[in-house]
Protein backbone atom coordinates (compact mmCIF):
# COMPACT_ATOMS: atom_id res chain seq x y z
CA MET A 1 1.33 9.44 0.91
CA SER A 2 1.17 6.36 -1.27
CA VAL A 3 3.61 3.48 -1.20
CA SER A 4 3.97 1.00 -4.04
CA ILE A 5 5.54 -2.36 -4.76
CA TYR A 6 7.65 -2.40 -7.93
CA TYR A 7 8.71 -5.46 -9.93
CA THR A 8 10.97 -6.09 -12.88
CA ALA A 9 12.16 -9.30 -14.54
CA THR A 10 14.94 -9.32 -17.12
CA ARG A 11 16.05 -12.07 -19.43
CA LYS A 12 17.45 -12.28 -22.97
CA GLN A 13 14.59 -14.55 -24.09
CA LYS A 14 11.17 -12.90 -24.28
CA LEU A 15 8.19 -14.44 -22.49
CA THR A 16 6.81 -17.48 -24.25
CA SER A 17 3.10 -17.65 -25.02
CA SER A 18 2.66 -20.35 -22.36
CA GLU A 19 4.46 -18.23 -19.75
CA GLN A 20 2.30 -15.24 -20.66
CA ALA A 21 -0.87 -17.34 -20.40
CA LEU A 22 0.13 -18.63 -16.95
CA ILE A 23 0.98 -15.11 -15.78
CA THR A 24 -2.38 -13.82 -17.00
CA GLN A 25 -4.17 -16.62 -15.15
CA LEU A 26 -2.23 -15.94 -11.94
CA ILE A 27 -3.07 -12.24 -12.10
CA GLU A 28 -6.74 -13.10 -12.60
CA ASN A 29 -6.59 -15.51 -9.65
CA TYR A 30 -5.17 -12.73 -7.44
CA SER A 31 -7.63 -10.08 -8.62
CA VAL A 32 -8.83 -7.72 -5.88
CA ASP A 33 -11.61 -6.25 -8.03
CA LYS A 34 -14.35 -7.49 -5.66
CA GLU A 35 -12.53 -6.01 -2.66
CA ILE A 36 -12.10 -2.70 -4.49
CA GLU A 37 -15.81 -2.63 -5.34
CA GLU A 38 -16.79 -3.43 -1.76
CA TYR A 39 -14.52 -0.70 -0.41
CA LEU A 40 -15.89 1.85 -2.88
CA ASN A 41 -19.50 0.88 -2.11
CA THR A 42 -19.32 0.44 1.66
CA GLY A 43 -16.04 1.87 2.92
CA GLN A 44 -15.27 -1.56 4.40
CA GLY A 45 -11.97 -3.35 3.84
CA TYR A 46 -8.73 -2.09 2.39
CA ASN A 47 -8.32 0.59 -0.25
CA TRP A 48 -6.73 -1.83 -2.75
CA THR A 49 -5.64 -1.00 -6.27
CA SER A 50 -5.41 -3.59 -9.03
CA PHE A 51 -2.13 -5.32 -9.86
CA TYR A 52 -0.59 -3.36 -12.72
CA VAL A 53 1.77 -4.60 -15.42
CA TYR A 54 3.42 -2.08 -17.72
CA ASP A 55 2.96 -2.33 -21.48
CA SER A 56 5.35 -5.04 -22.70
CA LYS A 57 5.66 -3.31 -26.06
CA SER A 58 7.46 -0.38 -24.38
CA PRO A 59 9.86 -1.90 -21.83
CA THR A 60 12.14 0.37 -19.83
CA ASP A 61 15.13 -1.73 -21.01
CA PRO A 62 15.50 -4.15 -23.96
CA ASP A 63 15.92 -7.19 -21.69
CA VAL A 64 12.87 -6.42 -19.51
CA ILE A 65 10.25 -9.12 -20.01
CA PHE A 66 7.89 -8.26 -17.14
CA GLU A 67 7.52 -5.09 -15.08
CA GLY A 68 5.00 -3.04 -13.21
CA SER A 69 4.02 -1.40 -9.96
CA THR A 70 1.02 -1.51 -7.68
CA GLN A 71 0.00 0.96 -5.02
CA LEU A 72 -0.37 -0.70 -1.63
CA PRO A 73 -3.47 -0.32 0.53
CA SER A 74 -2.90 2.22 3.28
CA ASN A 75 -6.13 2.78 5.18
CA SER A 76 -5.31 0.83 8.35
CA ALA A 77 -2.34 -0.22 10.45
CA GLU A 78 -2.15 -3.67 8.86
CA ALA A 79 -3.25 -2.77 5.33
CA MET A 80 0.19 -2.10 3.89
CA PHE A 81 1.75 -5.22 5.41
CA ASP A 82 -1.14 -7.36 4.16
CA GLY A 83 -0.81 -5.74 0.73
CA VAL A 84 2.92 -6.47 0.51
CA THR A 85 2.29 -10.04 1.65
CA TYR A 86 -0.47 -10.55 -0.91
CA TRP A 87 1.37 -9.10 -3.92
CA ALA A 88 4.65 -10.79 -2.92
CA SER A 89 2.78 -14.11 -3.03
CA LEU A 90 1.56 -13.38 -6.55
CA LEU A 91 5.05 -12.29 -7.62
CA SER A 92 6.52 -15.48 -6.13
CA ASN A 93 4.15 -17.51 -8.28
CA ILE A 94 4.98 -15.47 -11.38
CA ARG A 95 8.70 -15.81 -10.65
CA ASN A 96 8.28 -19.59 -10.53
CA VAL A 97 6.67 -19.52 -13.99
CA VAL A 98 9.35 -17.32 -15.57
CA LYS A 99 12.50 -19.43 -15.36
CA GLY A 100 15.95 -17.95 -15.87
CA ALA A 101 15.00 -14.32 -15.25
CA ASP A 102 16.70 -11.86 -12.94
CA TRP A 103 14.16 -10.20 -10.67
CA HIS A 104 14.11 -6.95 -8.75
CA VAL A 105 11.15 -6.50 -6.41
CA HIS A 106 11.01 -3.63 -3.97
CA VAL A 107 8.71 -1.48 -1.90
CA ASP A 108 9.96 2.02 -2.53
CA ASP A 109 13.61 1.79 -1.35
CA HIS A 110 13.37 -1.61 0.42
CA ASP A 111 14.33 -4.64 -1.70
CA LEU A 112 12.40 -7.85 -1.16
CA THR A 113 14.51 -11.00 -0.88
CA CYS A 114 13.49 -14.23 -2.55
CA ASP A 115 14.01 -17.36 -0.50
CA GLU A 116 15.32 -19.71 -3.20
CA LYS A 117 14.58 -22.83 -1.13
CA ALA A 118 10.99 -21.90 -0.34
CA LEU A 119 10.58 -20.31 -3.81
CA GLU A 120 8.90 -17.24 -2.35
CA TYR A 121 9.63 -13.68 -1.31
CA ASP A 122 10.47 -13.28 2.36
CA ILE A 123 9.00 -9.93 3.32
CA THR A 124 10.53 -10.06 6.79
CA LYS A 125 14.06 -9.47 5.46
């Protein structure tokens, strides 16, 4: 059984080119490609999947400016928790780049809450 984290940001104004560039850089900084390769080659580590953003040319709603989902690692007791923590950190950084958007981030049917003071998702709530 796979579990995923889902994310959607809506706003009337589309992403600016500078916002898009910053998002792209953040996603590159959080890449798990090396971990995926190691797991596939050695069986060591988590069974990560890459962070996935849906095609922005075909949003699920006209006001959607950023959306996607990523399957969480699931091959050990702590893998899923570590996966949620890791991707929530990336999404917190993206959220801080995309000002004025309404966000919905959830793991299956559990919504993640953003701590507006700390400017990050609190996965314990």
